[in-house]
Protein backbone atom coordinates (compact mmCIF):
# COMPACT_ATOMS: atom_id res chain seq x y z
CA UNK A 1 2.66 -22.47 -15.33
CA UNK A 2 3.39 -25.84 -16.16
CA UNK A 3 6.76 -25.67 -14.93
CA UNK A 4 5.79 -24.23 -11.97
CA UNK A 5 2.91 -26.55 -10.88
CA UNK A 6 5.49 -29.25 -11.71
CA UNK A 7 7.69 -27.58 -9.20
CA UNK A 8 4.99 -27.42 -7.05
CA UNK A 9 3.93 -31.14 -7.79
CA UNK A 10 7.44 -32.48 -7.32
CA UNK A 11 8.40 -30.84 -4.33
CA UNK A 12 4.80 -31.70 -2.28
CA UNK A 13 5.54 -35.57 -3.76
CA UNK A 14 8.86 -35.38 -2.58
CA UNK A 15 7.86 -33.91 1.00
CA UNK A 16 4.55 -34.84 1.60
CA UNK A 17 3.66 -34.12 5.43
CA UNK A 18 7.06 -34.53 6.59
CA UNK A 19 8.32 -31.69 5.35
CA UNK A 20 6.12 -28.78 4.96
CA UNK A 21 6.63 -25.32 3.48
CA UNK A 22 9.55 -23.34 5.62
CA UNK A 23 8.47 -19.58 5.08
CA UNK A 24 10.54 -17.14 6.63
CA UNK A 25 8.90 -15.66 9.63
CA UNK A 26 8.35 -12.03 9.84
CA UNK A 27 10.73 -10.65 12.76
CA UNK A 28 10.13 -7.14 13.99
CA UNK A 29 13.75 -6.73 15.16
CA UNK A 30 15.31 -7.25 11.40
CA UNK A 31 14.42 -4.29 9.14
CA UNK A 32 14.48 -4.30 5.70
CA UNK A 33 13.85 -3.42 2.82
CA UNK A 34 9.77 -2.98 3.64
CA UNK A 35 7.70 -2.19 6.72
CA UNK A 36 5.36 -5.08 6.36
CA UNK A 37 6.03 -8.84 6.18
CA UNK A 38 4.87 -9.47 2.77
CA UNK A 39 6.77 -6.49 1.55
CA UNK A 40 10.18 -7.84 2.79
CA UNK A 41 11.61 -9.74 0.47
CA UNK A 42 15.50 -9.39 1.30
CA UNK A 43 18.57 -11.33 1.29
CA UNK A 44 17.24 -12.42 5.10
CA UNK A 45 14.03 -13.61 3.43
CA UNK A 46 16.01 -15.16 0.34
CA UNK A 47 18.34 -17.35 2.87
CA UNK A 48 15.39 -18.63 4.95
CA UNK A 49 13.47 -19.87 1.61
CA UNK A 50 16.26 -23.20 2.24
CA UNK A 51 14.56 -25.82 3.13
CA UNK A 52 16.73 -28.84 4.39
CA UNK A 53 17.69 -31.69 1.73
CA UNK A 54 16.41 -29.48 -0.71
CA UNK A 55 18.37 -26.06 -0.88
CA UNK A 56 16.40 -25.05 -4.19
CA UNK A 57 13.00 -26.26 -3.76
CA UNK A 58 11.29 -23.36 -2.20
CA UNK A 59 13.97 -20.75 -4.67
CA UNK A 60 12.57 -22.44 -7.33
CA UNK A 61 9.14 -22.20 -6.23
CA UNK A 62 9.71 -18.31 -5.58
CA UNK A 63 11.47 -17.38 -8.46
CA UNK A 64 8.87 -18.70 -10.99
CA UNK A 65 6.08 -17.11 -9.00
CA UNK A 66 8.18 -14.00 -9.40
CA UNK A 67 8.95 -14.43 -13.43
CA UNK A 68 5.30 -15.85 -14.19
CA UNK A 69 3.99 -12.04 -12.26
CA UNK A 70 7.02 -10.15 -14.47
CA UNK A 71 5.99 -11.98 -17.40
CA UNK A 72 2.22 -11.40 -16.54
CA UNK A 73 2.84 -7.70 -15.29
CA UNK A 74 5.56 -6.18 -18.10
CA UNK A 75 5.30 -8.63 -20.63
CA UNK A 76 7.89 -10.81 -22.13
CA UNK A 77 11.11 -8.83 -22.66
CA UNK A 78 11.51 -7.60 -19.14
CA UNK A 79 12.16 -11.07 -18.23
CA UNK A 80 15.39 -10.77 -19.34
CA UNK A 81 16.24 -8.47 -17.16
CA UNK A 82 15.41 -10.59 -14.01
CA UNK A 83 16.64 -13.73 -15.14
CA UNK A 84 20.02 -14.20 -17.49
CA UNK A 85 18.87 -16.95 -20.58
CA UNK A 86 23.02 -17.72 -20.09
CA UNK A 87 22.28 -20.05 -16.71
CA UNK A 88 20.43 -22.56 -15.36
CA UNK A 89 17.72 -21.87 -12.62
CA UNK A 90 20.22 -23.83 -10.16
CA UNK A 91 23.01 -21.47 -11.24
CA UNK A 92 20.92 -18.31 -11.19
CA UNK A 93 20.19 -19.22 -7.37
CA UNK A 94 23.34 -20.35 -6.59
CA UNK A 95 24.71 -16.64 -8.13
CA UNK A 96 21.45 -14.94 -6.20
CA UNK A 97 22.79 -16.92 -3.18
CA UNK A 98 26.71 -15.53 -3.45
CA UNK A 99 25.16 -12.27 -3.77
CA UNK A 100 23.47 -12.32 -0.53
CA UNK A 101 26.43 -13.50 1.27
CA UNK A 102 28.24 -10.54 1.68
CA UNK A 103 26.20 -9.01 4.67
CA UNK A 104 26.41 -5.81 3.98
CA UNK A 105 23.79 -6.63 0.61
CA UNK A 106 21.10 -8.73 3.07
CA UNK A 107 18.72 -5.35 2.94
CA UNK A 108 18.44 -5.53 -0.74
CA UNK A 109 15.24 -6.54 -2.36
CA UNK A 110 15.39 -9.71 -3.74
CA UNK A 111 14.30 -8.34 -6.99
CA UNK A 112 17.12 -6.42 -7.01
CA UNK A 113 19.47 -8.58 -6.34
CA UNK A 114 18.17 -10.96 -9.41
CA UNK A 115 18.41 -8.02 -11.55
CA UNK A 116 21.97 -7.11 -10.51
CA UNK A 117 23.07 -11.20 -10.90
CA UNK A 118 20.86 -11.02 -14.48
CA UNK A 119 22.90 -7.70 -15.62
CA UNK A 120 26.24 -9.65 -14.56
CA UNK A 121 25.70 -12.95 -16.25
CA UNK A 122 24.75 -10.75 -19.21
CA UNK A 123 28.22 -9.36 -19.44
CA UNK A 124 27.25 -5.68 -18.27
CA UNK A 125 29.96 -3.19 -17.28
CA UNK A 126 31.44 -4.30 -13.93
CA UNK A 127 32.06 -1.21 -12.44
CA UNK A 128 28.03 0.23 -13.46
CA UNK A 129 26.70 -3.07 -11.77
CA UNK A 130 29.15 -1.94 -8.43
CA UNK A 131 27.37 1.71 -8.68
CA UNK A 132 24.42 0.13 -8.88
CA UNK A 133 25.00 -2.20 -6.13
CA UNK A 134 26.05 0.81 -3.82
CA UNK A 135 23.22 3.15 -4.92
CA UNK A 136 20.72 0.17 -3.09
CA UNK A 137 23.05 -0.56 -0.17
CA UNK A 138 22.72 3.39 0.03
CA UNK A 139 18.78 3.50 -0.02
CA UNK A 140 18.22 0.39 1.65
CA UNK A 141 20.19 2.23 5.20
CA UNK A 142 17.89 5.07 3.96
CA UNK A 143 15.17 3.81 4.26
CA UNK A 144 16.39 1.72 7.74
CA UNK A 145 17.45 5.12 8.86
CA UNK A 146 13.91 6.62 8.26
CA UNK A 147 11.25 3.24 9.46
CA UNK A 148 13.64 3.53 12.64
CA UNK A 149 12.72 7.29 12.99
CA UNK A 150 9.70 6.47 12.65
CA UNK A 151 9.49 4.15 15.12
CA UNK A 152 10.09 6.56 17.62
C-alpha cells in the first residue's frame, strides 16, 4: 500500500499539471477480451499505458493496483502466480512488453500475460507455457467471433 502511494505521489509531483495520466480510450472498433471498456484490459490497453518521458509510471501504478487486489482477494500465495519474485518491477514490465510485441498476443488479458511472464521467470516448462499461450490465443479468437456474432 505504501509503495503504491509513493509511486502515485512521485508521478503526480514529477508530472504536475503538464502530463495528466493518459488512460487508454475505449475504441469500439477494436474487439478485445471484454465487452466493455472497463473489462478490456488486454495488450492494446497495456501498450497505451506508456506516458512519454515516463514509460514505466502508469504501468507501475496499474500493476500495483492489480497486485494489491490479488493479495486482498486471493491472499499472498497468489501473488507469486502473477508476479515473479526474481524480477524487479521494471524487468517485469519489459517482459510483459515483449509478450505483447507479438501481435497474436494482443487480445490476451493483462492478468494472463502477467501469469505467463511469471511462469517463464519462475522456470516453468517452456512447452507447457507455449501450450497455455496457444489456448489463451484460441480463447481470445473464439470470444472475438462470439462478440461479432452478437453484434449482428
